[in-house]
Amino acid sequence: MPMRSPALLSHRPHQPRTTSGNDPVVSDNNAPNGPNAQSQVAPIPPHNSKTAAPPIPDELTLDNVPLEYRKEANGWMVSFNPKLPRDIDVDMVRTIPHSSVVCSIHISHDGQYVATGCNQAAYIYDIKTGAQVCALVDPSLPKDEDLYVRSVRFSPDSEYLATGAEDQQVRVWNIYQRTLRHVFAGHTNDIYALDYAKNGNFVLSGSADGTARVWDLKGGSHKVFTTDAAVEFGITSITISPNSRYVAGGCLDQLIRIWDVETGELVAKLRGHQDGVYSVRFMPDGYNLVSGSLDYTVKYWDVSALLPVDPPLIPVACPLISSFKGHQDYVLTVACSSDSRWFASGAKDRRLIFWDPTERLARFKLYGHTDSVISVDIHGPYIATASGDKCCRIWAFSTHDD
């Protein structure tokens, strides 16, 4: 089921403003299920899904949970899992409207800022106040054409921001000087995903051209990792292991591939999804990997075999631990908490689900946007979500043992 290109979406000049957690969501009906809730289509790359996934029973709808496991505010709602103690809570901190679909979101490693990728620009905001810190726009680009920034990633020291866009180039910005530090060219199709190595030495990109590339920020050279599959099966998501030794890519041919950064060797293929893999993330402790797919599921993998200092035997065994079902449409994004205790997923069904891998259950389901949840990030107590409804939202969660 091919999706409309974001180039077909209308847009207007960016006039950012912020709202507090008590203000309504900027939408057609100020409710997650308004009649015009699907007016903006998420920028999903074309894929070759043969059959739609069957409907999944939704146990966490507001109608199915007791009143004490519901929370409703002006423009958003959450349902907590009645099978677990309600020892977790979530609140909206603020909404930051944008002039276009928000394709990507990332919280800086110091927890002070949030970056968004949109049409023609990347924006950085103060996460506590919502004030815009800067807008990063390449002055060499034509201003009258759509050019969506599909991925944004802060450097580990939060001084730089890497952006990947539909013009096939990777840009690395000096945030404080508002200048370009690097522009890397080499991909032959849209860039879907980026990650910044934890050691700060390189940036990784994944593209619709079926390759992943490692860009050396010191020497300027780069390596190319291929999918050993047809070019039509692009790499939609990229993640670098915490020890910066391995790269995992989610691919539209249903596989997750893992490469050795130093040698470029393909060390593992993870099979289990029934449709394109649209998002992958290593847990910060390095023991597990989370993936989200167009088959409506989230999967949790054991990648601990990649941790030893000595090179593992190839192919590396990375078994599937659990499959999580709860979304009613394509899973577009996953993110992991800083302490590796939780992970979250966002989907075309406009929901965010917060998962507990220990209990293998959803902790809560958040109804906070009027269109697809395209990107999510977690850092410390914050959850950041980006959506086709032209908003990003900052949430804060807490547990009773915090």
Protein backbone atom coordinates (compact mmCIF):
# COMPACT_ATOMS: atom_id res chain seq x y z
CA MET A 1 0.00 0.00 0.00
CA PRO A 2 2.14 2.93 -1.19
CA MET A 3 1.91 6.09 0.90
CA ARG A 4 1.70 9.66 -0.41
CA SER A 5 4.97 11.53 -0.56
CA PRO A 6 5.35 14.39 1.92
CA ALA A 7 6.05 16.57 -1.12
CA LEU A 8 2.29 16.52 -1.71
CA LEU A 9 1.54 18.07 1.65
CA SER A 10 0.75 21.74 1.86
CA HIS A 11 2.76 23.96 4.17
CA ARG A 12 2.99 27.55 5.33
CA PRO A 13 5.78 29.72 6.77
CA HIS A 14 6.99 28.50 10.14
CA GLN A 15 5.57 30.46 13.05
CA PRO A 16 6.49 28.49 16.16
CA ARG A 17 4.67 28.98 19.40
CA THR A 18 4.36 26.82 22.46
CA THR A 19 1.53 25.80 24.69
CA SER A 20 1.46 24.46 28.19
CA GLY A 21 0.36 21.00 29.24
CA ASN A 22 -3.15 22.34 29.94
CA ASP A 23 -3.72 23.75 26.45
CA PRO A 24 -5.57 21.82 23.76
CA VAL A 25 -3.75 20.06 20.97
CA VAL A 26 -3.56 22.01 17.74
CA SER A 27 -5.83 19.96 15.53
CA ASP A 28 -9.06 20.01 13.57
CA ASN A 29 -11.24 18.95 16.48
CA ASN A 30 -8.92 19.10 19.52
CA ALA A 31 -9.50 15.40 20.09
CA PRO A 32 -7.49 12.33 19.12
CA ASN A 33 -10.37 10.87 17.16
CA GLY A 34 -11.74 13.90 15.31
CA PRO A 35 -13.20 13.38 11.83
CA ASN A 36 -10.22 15.07 10.16
CA ALA A 37 -7.62 13.23 12.21
CA GLN A 38 -5.94 11.71 9.14
CA SER A 39 -5.64 14.97 7.19
CA GLN A 40 -1.84 14.72 7.16
CA VAL A 41 -0.19 11.55 5.87
CA ALA A 42 3.03 10.37 7.49
CA PRO A 43 6.03 10.42 5.17
CA ILE A 44 6.38 6.65 4.91
CA PRO A 45 8.49 5.32 2.03
CA PRO A 46 6.79 3.05 -0.51
CA HIS A 47 6.81 -0.62 0.41
CA ASN A 48 5.50 -3.85 -0.98
CA SER A 49 3.16 -5.11 1.71
CA LYS A 50 1.27 -8.06 0.26
CA THR A 51 -1.43 -8.31 2.91
CA ALA A 52 -2.64 -6.12 5.72
CA ALA A 53 -2.05 -7.42 9.22
CA PRO A 54 -5.18 -8.78 10.91
CA PRO A 55 -6.85 -6.58 13.53
CA ILE A 56 -5.31 -6.94 16.97
CA PRO A 57 -7.63 -6.97 19.99
CA ASP A 58 -7.12 -3.67 21.77
CA GLU A 59 -7.26 -4.30 25.51
CA LEU A 60 -6.21 -0.77 26.44
CA THR A 61 -8.95 1.30 24.85
CA LEU A 62 -10.63 3.73 27.20
CA ASP A 63 -13.78 1.62 27.03
CA ASN A 64 -11.96 -1.50 28.21
CA VAL A 65 -10.16 -0.22 31.31
CA PRO A 66 -11.64 0.71 34.70
CA LEU A 67 -12.11 4.39 35.44
CA GLU A 68 -9.18 4.44 37.87
CA TYR A 69 -6.89 3.29 35.05
CA ARG A 70 -7.83 6.18 32.78
CA LYS A 71 -6.52 9.70 32.60
CA GLU A 72 -8.07 12.38 30.40
CA ALA A 73 -6.99 15.97 29.87
CA ASN A 74 -7.77 18.68 27.35
CA GLY A 75 -6.78 17.16 24.00
CA TRP A 76 -5.09 13.94 25.18
CA MET A 77 -5.89 10.73 27.01
CA VAL A 78 -4.03 7.76 28.46
CA SER A 79 -5.12 4.27 29.49
CA PHE A 80 -3.01 2.30 31.97
CA ASN A 81 -2.80 -1.47 31.98
CA PRO A 82 -5.19 -2.87 34.64
CA LYS A 83 -3.16 -6.12 34.71
CA LEU A 84 -0.33 -4.24 36.44
CA PRO A 85 -0.20 -1.98 39.48
CA ARG A 86 -0.69 1.64 38.51
CA ASP A 87 2.74 2.70 39.74
CA ILE A 88 3.54 4.84 36.72
CA ASP A 89 2.14 8.18 35.58
CA VAL A 90 2.48 10.46 32.56
CA ASP A 91 1.63 14.10 31.91
CA MET A 92 1.96 16.43 28.98
CA VAL A 93 4.55 19.16 29.47
CA ARG A 94 3.89 21.16 26.30
CA THR A 95 2.93 21.19 22.65
CA ILE A 96 5.16 22.81 20.03
CA PRO A 97 3.26 23.40 16.78
CA HIS A 98 5.11 23.41 13.45
CA SER A 99 4.20 24.54 9.95
CA SER A 100 4.69 21.08 8.41
CA VAL A 101 4.68 17.40 9.26
CA VAL A 102 7.28 16.71 11.96
CA CYS A 103 9.29 13.80 10.57
CA SER A 104 11.84 13.24 13.31
CA ILE A 105 12.59 14.13 16.92
CA HIS A 106 15.58 13.69 19.24
CA ILE A 107 16.41 14.83 22.77
CA SER A 108 19.95 16.02 23.42
CA HIS A 109 22.14 13.81 25.58
CA ASP A 110 22.29 16.47 28.30
CA GLY A 111 18.47 16.52 28.38
CA GLN A 112 18.24 20.27 27.77
CA TYR A 113 17.07 20.46 24.17
CA VAL A 114 14.83 18.74 21.66
CA ALA A 115 15.41 18.83 17.89
CA THR A 116 12.80 18.31 15.17
CA GLY A 117 13.12 17.63 11.46
CA CYS A 118 10.55 19.28 9.22
CA ASN A 119 10.12 20.70 5.74
CA GLN A 120 13.20 22.73 4.73
CA ALA A 121 14.60 22.98 8.26
CA ALA A 122 15.59 21.45 11.57
CA TYR A 123 14.53 23.25 14.74
CA ILE A 124 15.96 23.12 18.25
CA TYR A 125 13.92 24.01 21.33
CA ASP A 126 14.57 24.33 25.04
CA ILE A 127 12.84 21.25 26.42
CA LYS A 128 11.78 22.95 29.68
CA THR A 129 10.46 26.25 28.31
CA GLY A 130 9.61 25.31 24.73
CA ALA A 131 11.45 28.39 23.46
CA GLN A 132 12.99 28.02 20.01
CA VAL A 133 16.79 28.07 20.27
CA CYS A 134 17.50 28.08 16.54
CA ALA A 135 16.33 27.10 13.08
CA LEU A 136 18.91 25.34 10.92
CA VAL A 137 18.34 26.02 7.23
CA ASP A 138 20.86 25.47 4.45
CA PRO A 139 20.83 28.80 2.53
CA SER A 140 21.96 27.07 -0.66
CA LEU A 141 18.70 25.12 -0.98
CA PRO A 142 15.77 26.41 -3.06
CA LYS A 143 13.11 27.90 -0.81
CA ASP A 144 10.13 27.11 -3.02
CA GLU A 145 10.47 23.31 -2.99
CA ASP A 146 9.52 20.69 -0.42
CA LEU A 147 12.54 19.10 1.22
CA TYR A 148 11.76 17.09 4.33
CA VAL A 149 14.39 16.49 7.00
CA ARG A 150 13.62 12.88 7.83
CA SER A 151 16.14 12.38 10.65
CA VAL A 152 17.87 14.49 13.31
CA ARG A 153 20.46 13.32 15.85
CA PHE A 154 22.44 15.24 18.46
CA SER A 155 26.12 14.53 19.00
CA PRO A 156 27.04 12.99 22.39
CA ASP A 157 28.30 16.37 23.64
CA SER A 158 25.14 18.11 22.36
CA GLU A 159 27.24 20.63 20.40
CA TYR A 160 26.35 19.33 16.94
CA LEU A 161 23.23 18.16 15.14
CA ALA A 162 23.24 15.73 12.23
CA THR A 163 20.38 15.93 9.74
CA GLY A 164 19.39 13.67 6.84
CA ALA A 165 16.99 14.77 4.15
CA GLU A 166 15.37 13.93 0.84
CA ASP A 167 18.18 15.61 -1.11
CA GLN A 168 20.40 12.59 -0.29
CA GLN A 169 22.87 14.58 1.80
CA VAL A 170 23.96 14.32 5.43
CA ARG A 171 24.59 17.63 7.15
CA VAL A 172 26.33 18.16 10.47
CA TRP A 173 25.61 21.54 12.09
CA ASN A 174 27.51 23.48 14.74
CA ILE A 175 24.54 24.40 16.92
CA TYR A 176 26.07 27.37 18.72
CA GLN A 177 27.49 28.97 15.59
CA ARG A 178 24.45 28.02 13.45
CA THR A 179 26.86 26.92 10.71
CA LEU A 180 27.46 23.78 8.68
CA ARG A 181 30.44 21.75 9.82
CA HIS A 182 30.11 18.96 7.23
CA VAL A 183 28.01 18.15 4.18
CA PHE A 184 28.35 14.53 3.08
CA ALA A 185 27.16 13.34 -0.33
CA GLY A 186 27.12 9.80 -1.68
CA HIS A 187 23.63 8.38 -1.30
CA THR A 188 21.58 8.07 -4.47
CA ASN A 189 18.12 8.24 -2.88
CA ASP A 190 16.35 9.76 0.13
CA ILE A 191 18.02 9.46 3.52
CA TYR A 192 15.58 7.89 5.98
CA ALA A 193 17.62 7.57 9.16
CA LEU A 194 20.72 8.72 11.04
CA ASP A 195 22.57 7.87 14.21
CA TYR A 196 25.52 9.49 15.92
CA ALA A 197 28.22 7.22 17.36
CA LYS A 198 28.47 7.33 21.14
CA ASN A 199 32.21 8.13 20.81
CA GLY A 200 31.39 11.10 18.57
CA ASN A 201 33.72 9.96 15.80
CA PHE A 202 31.23 9.13 13.07
CA VAL A 203 27.67 9.52 11.83
CA LEU A 204 25.74 6.70 10.21
CA SER A 205 23.03 7.08 7.58
CA GLY A 206 20.47 4.70 6.07
CA SER A 207 18.87 5.35 2.70
CA ALA A 208 16.26 4.24 0.22
CA ASP A 209 19.17 3.38 -2.07
CA GLY A 210 19.65 0.17 -0.04
CA THR A 211 22.91 1.21 1.64
CA ALA A 212 24.09 2.33 5.04
CA ARG A 213 27.09 4.65 5.16
CA VAL A 214 29.51 5.50 7.96
CA TRP A 215 30.84 9.06 7.72
CA ASP A 216 34.15 9.76 9.47
CA LEU A 217 33.86 13.17 11.15
CA LYS A 218 37.62 13.51 11.59
CA GLY A 219 39.07 12.24 8.33
CA GLY A 220 36.09 12.88 6.07
CA SER A 221 36.14 9.39 4.55
CA HIS A 222 33.19 6.99 4.52
CA LYS A 223 32.33 3.31 4.27
CA VAL A 224 29.40 1.73 2.47
CA PHE A 225 27.42 -1.19 3.89
CA THR A 226 25.09 -2.98 1.48
CA THR A 227 21.99 -5.03 2.19
CA ASP A 228 22.85 -7.89 -0.21
CA ALA A 229 19.30 -7.43 -1.53
CA ALA A 230 17.55 -5.51 -4.26
CA VAL A 231 17.95 -1.74 -4.05
CA GLU A 232 14.17 -1.40 -3.74
CA PHE A 233 14.50 -2.74 -0.19
CA GLY A 234 15.75 0.44 1.43
CA ILE A 235 17.19 0.90 4.91
CA THR A 236 14.56 2.77 6.88
CA SER A 237 16.20 2.89 10.31
CA ILE A 238 19.72 2.85 11.72
CA THR A 239 21.15 2.40 15.20
CA ILE A 240 24.70 2.14 16.54
CA SER A 241 25.54 -0.16 19.44
CA PRO A 242 26.57 1.55 22.71
CA ASN A 243 30.16 0.36 22.25
CA SER A 244 30.18 1.89 18.71
CA ARG A 245 31.31 -1.46 17.23
CA TYR A 246 28.14 -2.53 15.44
CA VAL A 247 25.46 -1.01 13.27
CA ALA A 248 21.92 -2.39 12.96
CA GLY A 249 19.65 -1.45 10.08
CA GLY A 250 15.94 -2.05 9.66
CA CYS A 251 15.06 -2.95 6.06
CA LEU A 252 11.93 -3.09 3.98
CA ASP A 253 12.57 -6.75 3.10
CA GLN A 254 11.51 -7.69 6.68
CA LEU A 255 15.08 -8.21 7.95
CA ILE A 256 17.29 -6.49 10.48
CA ARG A 257 20.94 -6.54 9.43
CA ILE A 258 23.90 -5.98 11.74
CA TRP A 259 27.33 -4.97 10.42
CA ASP A 260 30.77 -4.67 12.01
CA VAL A 261 31.69 -0.97 11.86
CA GLU A 262 35.42 -1.58 11.48
CA THR A 263 35.35 -4.31 8.82
CA GLY A 264 31.98 -3.63 7.18
CA GLU A 265 31.20 -7.33 7.45
CA LEU A 266 27.57 -8.42 7.78
CA VAL A 267 27.57 -10.36 11.06
CA ALA A 268 23.88 -11.12 11.62
CA LYS A 269 20.43 -11.16 10.02
CA LEU A 270 17.45 -11.05 12.35
CA ARG A 271 14.31 -12.69 10.97
CA GLY A 272 10.89 -12.52 12.56
CA HIS A 273 8.91 -9.61 11.16
CA GLN A 274 6.31 -10.23 8.47
CA ASP A 275 6.63 -6.84 6.76
CA GLY A 276 9.16 -4.06 6.40
CA VAL A 277 11.14 -3.13 9.52
CA TYR A 278 10.69 0.60 9.98
CA SER A 279 12.52 1.32 13.24
CA VAL A 280 15.36 -0.26 15.25
CA ARG A 281 17.11 0.81 18.45
CA PHE A 282 19.80 -0.75 20.61
CA MET A 283 19.00 -0.61 24.31
CA PRO A 284 21.55 1.66 26.05
CA ASP A 285 22.99 -1.27 28.03
CA GLY A 286 23.76 -3.09 24.77
CA TYR A 287 22.05 -6.35 25.73
CA ASN A 288 18.93 -5.96 23.63
CA LEU A 289 17.55 -4.44 20.46
CA VAL A 290 14.00 -3.22 19.83
CA SER A 291 12.36 -3.14 16.39
CA GLY A 292 9.08 -1.85 15.00
CA SER A 293 7.50 -3.00 11.76
CA LEU A 294 4.79 -2.39 9.21
CA ASP A 295 3.39 -5.75 10.40
CA TYR A 296 1.96 -3.80 13.42
CA THR A 297 4.33 -5.46 15.94
CA VAL A 298 7.27 -4.50 18.12
CA LYS A 299 9.95 -7.14 18.73
CA TYR A 300 12.58 -7.47 21.45
CA TRP A 301 15.86 -9.23 20.58
CA ASP A 302 18.80 -10.62 22.56
CA VAL A 303 21.99 -9.11 21.08
CA SER A 304 24.25 -9.80 24.07
CA ALA A 305 26.51 -11.91 21.83
CA LEU A 306 27.80 -8.60 20.42
CA LEU A 307 29.11 -7.43 23.82
CA PRO A 308 32.36 -9.46 24.28
CA VAL A 309 35.61 -7.74 23.33
CA ASP A 310 36.71 -10.67 21.20
CA PRO A 311 35.00 -10.85 17.78
CA PRO A 312 32.04 -13.27 17.84
CA LEU A 313 31.61 -16.19 15.50
CA ILE A 314 29.71 -15.25 12.35
CA PRO A 315 26.79 -15.42 11.88
CA VAL A 316 26.09 -14.05 15.36
CA ALA A 317 23.06 -15.57 17.10
CA CYS A 318 20.61 -12.84 18.14
CA PRO A 319 17.43 -14.68 19.18
CA LEU A 320 14.00 -13.14 19.42
CA ILE A 321 12.89 -12.80 23.05
CA SER A 322 9.36 -11.50 22.68
CA SER A 323 6.88 -10.00 20.24
CA PHE A 324 4.62 -7.17 21.44
CA LYS A 325 1.21 -6.64 19.86
CA GLY A 326 -0.96 -3.65 20.61
CA HIS A 327 -0.92 -1.25 17.67
CA GLN A 328 -3.68 -1.24 15.08
CA ASP A 329 -1.54 -0.01 12.18
CA TYR A 330 2.06 0.36 10.97
CA VAL A 331 4.63 0.78 13.75
CA LEU A 332 6.75 3.70 12.58
CA THR A 333 9.11 4.38 15.48
CA VAL A 334 10.61 2.91 18.64
CA ALA A 335 12.75 4.41 21.41
CA CYS A 336 14.40 3.12 24.59
CA SER A 337 14.67 4.72 28.02
CA SER A 338 18.07 5.87 29.25
CA ASP A 339 18.16 3.15 31.93
CA SER A 340 17.11 0.34 29.51
CA ARG A 341 14.08 -0.31 31.71
CA TRP A 342 11.38 0.69 29.21
CA PHE A 343 10.79 1.23 25.52
CA ALA A 344 8.07 3.00 23.56
CA SER A 345 6.55 2.67 20.11
CA GLY A 346 4.58 5.04 17.92
CA ALA A 347 2.37 4.09 15.00
CA LYS A 348 0.13 5.18 12.17
CA ASP A 349 -2.79 4.44 14.52
CA ARG A 350 -1.88 7.77 16.26
CA ARG A 351 -0.97 6.04 19.52
CA LEU A 352 2.14 5.74 21.61
CA ILE A 353 2.54 2.57 23.67
CA PHE A 354 4.94 2.43 26.62
CA TRP A 355 6.24 -1.12 27.10
CA ASP A 356 7.69 -3.04 30.04
CA PRO A 357 10.10 -5.69 28.64
CA THR A 358 10.37 -7.44 32.02
CA GLU A 359 6.62 -7.98 32.33
CA ARG A 360 6.31 -8.24 28.53
CA LEU A 361 3.24 -6.02 28.71
CA ALA A 362 2.22 -2.49 27.83
CA ARG A 363 2.32 -0.10 30.77
CA PHE A 364 0.12 2.50 29.12
CA LYS A 365 -1.28 3.64 25.80
CA LEU A 366 -1.15 7.36 25.07
CA TYR A 367 -3.67 9.05 22.79
CA GLY A 368 -1.87 12.32 22.22
CA HIS A 369 -1.89 13.14 18.50
CA THR A 370 -4.45 13.49 15.72
CA ASP A 371 -2.26 11.82 13.10
CA SER A 372 0.51 9.24 12.84
CA VAL A 373 3.17 9.21 15.56
CA ILE A 374 6.15 9.30 13.21
CA SER A 375 9.03 9.63 15.67
CA VAL A 376 9.59 9.21 19.40
CA ASP A 377 12.50 9.64 21.77
CA ILE A 378 13.00 9.08 25.50
CA HIS A 379 15.59 10.70 27.75
CA GLY A 380 15.45 10.78 31.54
CA PRO A 381 11.86 11.61 32.54
CA TYR A 382 10.94 12.98 29.10
CA ILE A 383 9.16 11.40 26.16
CA ALA A 384 9.14 13.43 22.94
CA THR A 385 6.73 12.63 20.10
CA ALA A 386 6.55 13.96 16.54
CA SER A 387 3.50 13.62 14.35
CA GLY A 388 1.85 14.15 11.01
CA ASP A 389 -0.49 16.57 12.81
CA LYS A 390 2.27 19.23 12.58
CA CYS A 391 3.04 19.11 16.28
CA CYS A 392 5.65 17.73 18.56
CA ARG A 393 4.77 17.11 22.16
CA ILE A 394 6.88 16.76 25.28
CA TRP A 395 5.67 14.38 27.99
CA ALA A 396 7.00 13.57 31.45
CA PHE A 397 6.62 10.15 33.04
CA SER A 398 7.37 9.02 36.58
CA THR A 399 7.23 5.85 38.63
CA HIS A 400 6.56 5.42 42.34
CA ASP A 401 10.13 4.32 42.92
CA ASP A 402 11.59 7.49 41.30
